[in-house]
């Protein structure tokens, strides 16, 4: 018997029991929809984190003091804080070949005040290169210059969150003077909005000023908390990391065998860490959702058993007029696969609709990939074959005489 005729027989059998066929599909529909939705949420979260970290500067490298042991003696906190100095910046600017921008960084928290309005925020002290490193353009105004760093100028750039809280009446902040703690700062530029970063922190809740102004006038220190740098391009990030480490070891006069008293991190390391965590959660969600596929498969097996029992006389009649066991096997197997595939197609539609609703109402990032749809569809076929084979085989092994006598 041809495959086409077997498909027609399977479709007629499903048409005779529409409600039962739909209820059988329901487990597959929910399972496929859940898998696609869960994977989409996981992939959307992963991509969102990657985009947010990349927005911080895809080529950015960050140097921080390290708490590693030097030799056999652990450094005390005071020494640890004073590791990064102006000499390190000069050495990097002079010797580094894979780095196109370097900026020291110091920061402190306090109250920013404008008249009767005040807001607790962070004041970040950096050099003009910092905005290039972070890929952070200005929305309006100008940035400060190297001369401002040298002169400890009382100027600043402010983020949108600070503007909203210090200028709630819509007043133009450019040219206005605000106070941070006791220091007056003239606003010369407005930072473009960046929103929250991968850690959930508001990147627009910030004031940026020349690093010398923050370092000398507010914090009274002569060292840096961080150093930010930008590699020439993404392909040279690893080379830049190795180069920075070597230059800083020379600057800190570390001997061979001594551990670094600093740590250099790249954005790719952050992306890799978050992506692996997000991928694990995605797999976990998909496995949990996939359980319903197994339940749906068991439903198919159960209904196929019922169908074989109900149609025993029909099977005997087909065998009596020449149908082979293989034809009976294929007849019921194709019926199981059609139920599974039809449920899978409806499940794909449900999954895509669910992700759109999640994005619309919950504002969660989602990403439906072709691979998740293809994988779900393939799982449906496998489910239909796996759970439909045993009932179909049972039908194919029926004795024609016993089947015809079956009441």
Protein backbone atom coordinates (compact mmCIF):
# COMPACT_ATOMS: atom_id res chain seq x y z
CA UNK A 1 0.00 0.00 0.00
CA UNK A 2 1.37 3.43 -0.95
CA UNK A 3 2.37 6.02 1.64
CA UNK A 4 -0.20 8.43 0.15
CA UNK A 5 -3.07 5.99 0.78
CA UNK A 6 -1.81 5.34 4.31
CA UNK A 7 -1.76 9.09 5.00
CA UNK A 8 -5.37 9.40 3.70
CA UNK A 9 -6.48 6.53 5.95
CA UNK A 10 -4.78 8.18 8.96
CA UNK A 11 -6.42 11.54 8.21
CA UNK A 12 -9.88 9.91 7.87
CA UNK A 13 -9.37 8.15 11.21
CA UNK A 14 -8.47 11.45 12.85
CA UNK A 15 -11.45 13.17 11.21
CA UNK A 16 -13.84 10.60 12.69
CA UNK A 17 -12.55 11.47 16.18
CA UNK A 18 -11.70 15.16 15.95
CA UNK A 19 -12.00 15.98 19.65
CA UNK A 20 -9.99 12.95 20.72
CA UNK A 21 -7.28 13.77 18.19
CA UNK A 22 -7.11 17.37 19.40
CA UNK A 23 -6.92 16.35 23.06
CA UNK A 24 -4.15 13.92 22.12
CA UNK A 25 -2.27 16.76 20.41
CA UNK A 26 -2.75 19.06 23.38
CA UNK A 27 0.16 17.65 25.33
CA UNK A 28 2.44 18.09 22.30
CA UNK A 29 1.10 21.60 21.65
CA UNK A 30 1.77 22.73 25.22
CA UNK A 31 5.14 20.97 25.31
CA UNK A 32 6.45 22.49 22.08
CA UNK A 33 5.05 25.92 22.96
CA UNK A 34 6.66 25.79 26.40
CA UNK A 35 10.04 24.69 25.01
CA UNK A 36 10.09 27.46 22.38
CA UNK A 37 8.99 30.10 24.91
CA UNK A 38 11.52 29.02 27.56
CA UNK A 39 14.39 28.86 25.07
CA UNK A 40 13.35 32.25 23.64
CA UNK A 41 13.40 33.81 27.11
CA UNK A 42 16.80 32.27 27.84
CA UNK A 43 18.28 33.32 24.50
CA UNK A 44 16.77 36.79 24.78
CA UNK A 45 18.29 37.19 28.23
CA UNK A 46 21.65 36.01 26.94
CA UNK A 47 21.62 38.42 23.99
CA UNK A 48 20.46 41.29 26.21
CA UNK A 49 23.37 40.72 28.58
CA UNK A 50 25.83 40.52 25.68
CA UNK A 51 24.48 43.73 24.17
CA UNK A 52 24.61 45.57 27.50
CA UNK A 53 28.19 44.49 28.20
CA UNK A 54 29.22 45.32 24.64
CA UNK A 55 27.59 48.75 25.04
CA UNK A 56 30.05 49.42 27.87
CA UNK A 57 32.80 49.19 25.25
CA UNK A 58 33.40 45.91 23.44
CA UNK A 59 37.19 46.46 23.39
CA UNK A 60 37.40 47.75 26.95
CA UNK A 61 39.91 46.38 29.44
CA UNK A 62 39.73 47.11 33.15
CA UNK A 63 42.61 47.05 35.60
CA UNK A 64 41.90 46.72 39.32
CA UNK A 65 44.10 46.13 42.36
CA UNK A 66 44.35 42.44 43.16
CA UNK A 67 44.37 40.79 46.59
CA UNK A 68 46.75 38.09 45.40
CA UNK A 69 49.68 37.09 47.52
CA UNK A 70 52.99 38.63 46.47
CA UNK A 71 55.69 36.15 47.25
CA UNK A 72 54.53 34.64 50.53
CA UNK A 73 53.28 37.82 52.20
CA UNK A 74 49.74 39.10 51.63
CA UNK A 75 49.60 42.83 51.10
CA UNK A 76 47.71 44.96 53.61
CA UNK A 77 44.65 46.94 52.57
CA UNK A 78 46.41 50.32 52.52
CA UNK A 79 49.16 49.10 50.21
CA UNK A 80 46.63 47.26 48.04
CA UNK A 81 44.59 50.41 47.43
CA UNK A 82 47.63 52.41 46.29
CA UNK A 83 48.87 50.02 43.60
CA UNK A 84 47.64 51.95 40.53
CA UNK A 85 49.35 55.33 40.08
CA UNK A 86 50.13 58.01 37.51
CA UNK A 87 53.34 56.13 36.62
CA UNK A 88 51.23 53.20 35.39
CA UNK A 89 49.21 55.50 33.12
CA UNK A 90 52.37 57.04 31.66
CA UNK A 91 53.94 53.61 31.12
CA UNK A 92 50.86 52.32 29.30
CA UNK A 93 50.58 55.44 27.15
CA UNK A 94 54.27 55.24 26.22
CA UNK A 95 54.82 51.52 25.69
CA UNK A 96 51.49 49.92 24.70
CA UNK A 97 51.03 49.16 21.01
CA UNK A 98 47.69 47.34 21.12
CA UNK A 99 45.94 50.04 23.16
CA UNK A 100 44.54 53.26 21.67
CA UNK A 101 43.16 54.92 24.81
CA UNK A 102 43.85 54.83 28.54
CA UNK A 103 41.98 56.50 31.38
CA UNK A 104 42.52 56.44 35.15
CA UNK A 105 39.38 56.30 37.28
CA UNK A 106 38.41 57.25 40.81
CA UNK A 107 34.89 57.51 42.18
CA UNK A 108 33.02 58.55 45.27
CA UNK A 109 29.40 58.77 46.34
CA UNK A 110 27.68 61.78 47.83
CA UNK A 111 24.89 64.32 47.56
CA UNK A 112 24.58 66.40 44.40
CA UNK A 113 22.72 69.63 45.11
CA UNK A 114 20.94 72.14 42.89
CA UNK A 115 19.11 74.77 44.91
CA UNK A 116 16.49 72.97 46.98
CA UNK A 117 16.91 69.70 45.07
CA UNK A 118 19.44 67.04 46.00
CA UNK A 119 20.24 63.55 44.81
CA UNK A 120 22.59 60.84 46.10
CA UNK A 121 24.72 59.75 43.17
CA UNK A 122 28.21 58.71 42.06
CA UNK A 123 30.91 61.13 40.95
CA UNK A 124 33.36 59.44 38.59
CA UNK A 125 36.74 61.02 37.96
CA UNK A 126 38.27 60.08 34.60
CA UNK A 127 40.27 61.49 31.70
CA UNK A 128 38.67 62.65 28.39
CA UNK A 129 39.56 59.28 26.80
CA UNK A 130 37.06 57.52 29.07
CA UNK A 131 34.09 58.41 26.86
CA UNK A 132 35.88 56.92 23.85
CA UNK A 133 36.70 53.75 25.77
CA UNK A 134 33.08 53.36 26.92
CA UNK A 135 31.64 54.30 23.50
CA UNK A 136 29.62 56.94 25.31
CA UNK A 137 28.74 59.99 23.17
CA UNK A 138 27.41 63.26 24.52
CA UNK A 139 23.79 64.18 24.00
CA UNK A 140 24.58 67.89 24.28
CA UNK A 141 27.40 70.22 25.26
CA UNK A 142 31.14 69.50 25.25
CA UNK A 143 33.47 67.26 27.21
CA UNK A 144 36.37 68.40 29.38
CA UNK A 145 39.95 68.38 28.09
CA UNK A 146 43.41 67.38 29.27
CA UNK A 147 43.91 71.00 30.37
CA UNK A 148 40.96 70.59 32.71
CA UNK A 149 42.66 67.56 34.21
CA UNK A 150 45.86 69.50 34.73
CA UNK A 151 44.10 72.49 36.27
CA UNK A 152 41.74 70.47 38.49
CA UNK A 153 38.84 72.23 36.75
CA UNK A 154 35.48 72.28 38.48
CA UNK A 155 33.47 71.08 35.49
CA UNK A 156 31.36 67.98 34.92
CA UNK A 157 29.16 65.90 32.64
CA UNK A 158 25.90 64.54 34.00
CA UNK A 159 23.65 61.60 33.22
CA UNK A 160 19.92 61.74 32.53
CA UNK A 161 18.90 60.31 35.92
CA UNK A 162 20.77 63.08 37.72
CA UNK A 163 19.13 65.67 35.45
CA UNK A 164 15.67 64.27 36.19
CA UNK A 165 16.23 64.61 39.94
CA UNK A 166 18.15 67.90 40.09
CA UNK A 167 16.20 69.66 37.33
CA UNK A 168 12.69 68.18 37.64
CA UNK A 169 11.00 71.20 36.04
CA UNK A 170 12.63 70.64 32.66
CA UNK A 171 15.22 73.39 33.05
CA UNK A 172 18.24 73.18 30.71
CA UNK A 173 21.16 72.07 32.92
CA UNK A 174 23.93 73.20 30.55
CA UNK A 175 25.96 76.01 32.08
CA UNK A 176 24.38 75.58 35.50
CA UNK A 177 26.48 75.06 38.62
CA UNK A 178 25.67 72.24 41.01
CA UNK A 179 27.46 71.22 44.20
CA UNK A 180 28.79 67.79 44.98
CA UNK A 181 29.40 67.70 48.70
CA UNK A 182 31.17 71.06 49.12
CA UNK A 183 32.63 71.43 45.61
CA UNK A 184 30.81 73.51 42.96
CA UNK A 185 30.82 71.92 39.49
CA UNK A 186 29.77 73.61 36.26
CA UNK A 187 27.77 71.40 33.89
CA UNK A 188 29.38 71.53 30.44
CA UNK A 189 27.91 68.40 28.87
CA UNK A 190 25.00 65.95 29.02
CA UNK A 191 25.67 62.23 28.58
CA UNK A 192 23.51 60.20 26.23
CA UNK A 193 21.26 57.72 27.99
CA UNK A 194 22.55 54.16 28.45
CA UNK A 195 19.94 52.66 30.79
CA UNK A 196 20.72 49.76 33.11
CA UNK A 197 23.82 47.62 32.69
CA UNK A 198 24.07 43.83 32.96
CA UNK A 199 24.25 44.10 36.75
CA UNK A 200 21.00 46.06 36.97
CA UNK A 201 22.74 49.36 37.80
CA UNK A 202 21.49 52.62 36.33
CA UNK A 203 24.35 53.86 34.14
CA UNK A 204 22.70 57.29 33.80
CA UNK A 205 22.87 57.91 37.56
CA UNK A 206 26.34 59.42 37.36
CA UNK A 207 28.36 62.63 37.24
CA UNK A 208 31.66 62.57 35.39
CA UNK A 209 34.47 65.06 36.12
CA UNK A 210 38.23 65.35 35.50
CA UNK A 211 39.98 62.68 37.55
CA UNK A 212 42.32 65.19 39.20
CA UNK A 213 39.34 67.19 40.45
CA UNK A 214 37.85 64.16 42.16
CA UNK A 215 41.20 62.76 43.23
CA UNK A 216 42.64 65.94 44.79
CA UNK A 217 39.70 68.16 45.71
CA UNK A 218 37.29 65.52 47.04
CA UNK A 219 39.14 62.33 47.93
CA UNK A 220 42.63 63.66 48.78
CA UNK A 221 44.42 60.62 47.34
CA UNK A 222 47.26 60.14 44.87
CA UNK A 223 46.34 56.73 43.44
CA UNK A 224 43.63 55.33 41.17
CA UNK A 225 40.93 52.82 41.94
CA UNK A 226 40.78 51.53 38.35
CA UNK A 227 42.40 51.97 34.99
CA UNK A 228 40.29 51.65 31.83
CA UNK A 229 41.80 51.02 28.41
CA UNK A 230 40.58 50.29 24.92
CA UNK A 231 42.22 47.78 22.56
CA UNK A 232 42.76 48.80 18.94
CA UNK A 233 40.01 46.36 17.88
CA UNK A 234 38.28 43.23 19.15
CA UNK A 235 40.83 40.93 17.48
CA UNK A 236 43.68 42.52 19.43
CA UNK A 237 42.00 42.35 22.85
CA UNK A 238 43.98 39.30 23.99
CA UNK A 239 47.25 40.86 22.81
CA UNK A 240 46.36 44.09 24.60
CA UNK A 241 45.65 42.17 27.80
CA UNK A 242 49.02 40.41 27.70
CA UNK A 243 50.79 43.64 26.85
CA UNK A 244 49.13 45.57 29.68
CA UNK A 245 49.98 42.87 32.18
CA UNK A 246 53.64 42.91 31.16
CA UNK A 247 53.90 46.72 31.25
CA UNK A 248 52.24 46.92 34.67
CA UNK A 249 54.50 44.19 36.05
CA UNK A 250 57.50 46.22 34.92
CA UNK A 251 55.98 49.42 36.34
CA UNK A 252 55.36 47.69 39.70
CA UNK A 253 58.85 46.12 39.63
CA UNK A 254 57.53 42.62 40.13
CA UNK A 255 60.13 39.88 39.90
CA UNK A 256 59.68 36.68 37.88
CA UNK A 257 57.63 34.24 39.92
CA UNK A 258 55.81 36.95 41.87
CA UNK A 259 52.07 37.07 41.42
CA UNK A 260 50.45 40.13 39.88
CA UNK A 261 49.25 42.74 42.37
CA UNK A 262 46.63 43.79 39.81
CA UNK A 263 43.96 42.09 37.72
CA UNK A 264 43.18 42.85 34.07
CA UNK A 265 39.73 41.91 32.81
CA UNK A 266 38.16 42.14 29.37
CA UNK A 267 34.54 42.51 28.32
CA UNK A 268 34.76 39.16 26.56
CA UNK A 269 35.41 37.47 29.90
CA UNK A 270 32.28 39.06 31.32
CA UNK A 271 30.27 38.07 28.26
CA UNK A 272 31.59 34.51 28.47
CA UNK A 273 30.76 34.23 32.18
CA UNK A 274 27.24 35.60 31.85
CA UNK A 275 26.59 33.65 28.65
CA UNK A 276 27.57 30.33 30.23
CA UNK A 277 25.29 31.02 33.19
CA UNK A 278 22.45 32.10 30.91
CA UNK A 279 22.98 29.04 28.69
CA UNK A 280 22.75 26.74 31.71
CA UNK A 281 19.47 28.37 32.76
CA UNK A 282 18.15 28.08 29.20
CA UNK A 283 18.91 24.36 29.10
CA UNK A 284 17.32 23.90 32.52
CA UNK A 285 14.16 25.73 31.43
CA UNK A 286 14.01 23.74 28.18
CA UNK A 287 14.38 20.44 30.04
CA UNK A 288 11.59 21.37 32.44
CA UNK A 289 9.36 22.40 29.54
CA UNK A 290 10.35 19.24 27.66
CA UNK A 291 8.78 17.10 30.37
CA UNK A 292 5.39 18.06 28.98
CA UNK A 293 6.52 16.66 25.61
CA UNK A 294 7.10 13.31 27.29
CA UNK A 295 3.64 13.55 28.85
CA UNK A 296 2.23 14.36 25.40
CA UNK A 297 4.04 11.35 23.95
CA UNK A 298 2.55 9.08 26.58
CA UNK A 299 -0.85 10.49 25.64
CA UNK A 300 -0.23 9.54 22.01
CA UNK A 301 0.75 6.01 23.02
CA UNK A 302 -2.36 5.67 25.17
CA UNK A 303 -4.71 6.88 22.44
CA UNK A 304 -3.03 4.66 19.83
CA UNK A 305 -3.60 1.67 22.08
CA UNK A 306 -7.27 2.64 22.32
CA UNK A 307 -7.43 3.11 18.56
CA UNK A 308 -5.89 -0.30 17.90
CA UNK A 309 -8.38 -1.92 20.26
CA UNK A 310 -11.35 -0.11 18.68
CA UNK A 311 -10.28 -0.98 15.15
CA UNK A 312 -9.25 -4.58 15.69
CA UNK A 313 -11.96 -5.90 13.33
CA UNK A 314 -10.90 -3.31 10.72
CA UNK A 315 -7.31 -4.53 11.03
CA UNK A 316 -8.43 -8.13 10.61
CA UNK A 317 -10.44 -7.22 7.54
CA UNK A 318 -7.52 -5.38 5.93
CA UNK A 319 -5.25 -8.35 6.57
CA UNK A 320 -7.86 -10.73 5.18
CA UNK A 321 -7.94 -8.87 1.87
CA UNK A 322 -4.15 -8.81 1.53
CA UNK A 323 -2.69 -6.08 3.76
CA UNK A 324 0.67 -7.08 5.16
CA UNK A 325 1.80 -6.56 8.74
CA UNK A 326 4.14 -3.86 7.47
CA UNK A 327 1.20 -1.96 5.97
CA UNK A 328 -0.70 -2.08 9.27
CA UNK A 329 2.42 -0.98 11.13
CA UNK A 330 2.92 1.98 8.80
CA UNK A 331 -0.79 2.89 8.94
CA UNK A 332 -0.82 3.37 12.71
CA UNK A 333 2.71 4.79 12.84
CA UNK A 334 1.85 7.44 10.25
CA UNK A 335 -1.27 8.30 12.23
CA UNK A 336 0.81 8.82 15.38
CA UNK A 337 3.37 10.93 13.50
CA UNK A 338 0.65 13.09 11.89
CA UNK A 339 -0.89 13.73 15.32
CA UNK A 340 2.52 14.61 16.69
CA UNK A 341 3.55 16.86 13.77
CA UNK A 342 0.18 18.66 13.71
CA UNK A 343 0.49 19.25 17.44
CA UNK A 344 4.04 20.44 16.88
CA UNK A 345 2.99 23.01 14.27
CA UNK A 346 0.29 24.35 16.57
CA UNK A 347 2.82 24.31 19.42
CA UNK A 348 5.27 26.40 17.38
CA UNK A 349 2.54 28.97 16.78
CA UNK A 350 1.68 28.93 20.50
CA UNK A 351 5.35 29.33 21.45
CA UNK A 352 5.89 32.31 19.14
CA UNK A 353 2.68 33.94 20.36
CA UNK A 354 3.70 33.33 23.99
CA UNK A 355 7.09 35.01 23.51
CA UNK A 356 5.43 38.03 21.93
CA UNK A 357 3.03 38.29 24.87
CA UNK A 358 5.92 37.96 27.34
CA UNK A 359 7.79 40.78 25.58
CA UNK A 360 4.65 42.92 25.33
CA UNK A 361 3.35 42.59 28.89
CA UNK A 362 6.34 41.58 31.03
CA UNK A 363 8.94 43.55 29.03
CA UNK A 364 11.34 40.59 29.17
CA UNK A 365 13.82 40.25 26.29
CA UNK A 366 13.05 37.22 24.09
CA UNK A 367 14.68 35.77 21.01
CA UNK A 368 13.00 33.02 18.97
CA UNK A 369 15.68 31.20 16.97
CA UNK A 370 15.22 28.99 13.93
CA UNK A 371 17.21 26.25 15.67
CA UNK A 372 14.74 26.07 18.58
CA UNK A 373 11.79 25.76 16.16
CA UNK A 374 13.59 23.13 14.07
CA UNK A 375 14.63 21.20 17.17
CA UNK A 376 11.10 21.26 18.59
CA UNK A 377 9.67 20.07 15.27
CA UNK A 378 12.25 17.27 15.08
CA UNK A 379 11.42 16.24 18.64
CA UNK A 380 7.75 16.02 17.63
CA UNK A 381 8.56 13.58 14.82
CA UNK A 382 10.75 11.48 17.12
CA UNK A 383 8.03 11.56 19.80
CA UNK A 384 5.41 10.36 17.30
CA UNK A 385 7.64 7.52 16.06
CA UNK A 386 8.86 6.50 19.51
CA UNK A 387 5.52 6.49 21.29
CA UNK A 388 3.50 5.34 18.30
CA UNK A 389 5.72 2.44 17.28
CA UNK A 390 4.78 -0.05 19.99
CA UNK A 391 0.98 0.25 19.54
CA UNK A 392 1.49 0.11 15.76
CA UNK A 393 3.65 -2.99 16.08
CA UNK A 394 1.04 -4.61 18.29
CA UNK A 395 -1.56 -3.94 15.60
CA UNK A 396 0.67 -5.40 12.88
CA UNK A 397 1.15 -8.64 14.82
CA UNK A 398 -2.57 -9.35 15.26
CA UNK A 399 -3.80 -12.65 13.89
CA UNK A 400 -6.36 -11.91 11.11
CA UNK A 401 -8.78 -14.63 12.25
CA UNK A 402 -8.67 -13.53 15.90
CA UNK A 403 -9.06 -9.94 14.81
CA UNK A 404 -12.15 -10.71 12.74
CA UNK A 405 -13.71 -12.56 15.67
CA UNK A 406 -12.99 -9.68 18.07
CA UNK A 407 -16.13 -8.17 19.61
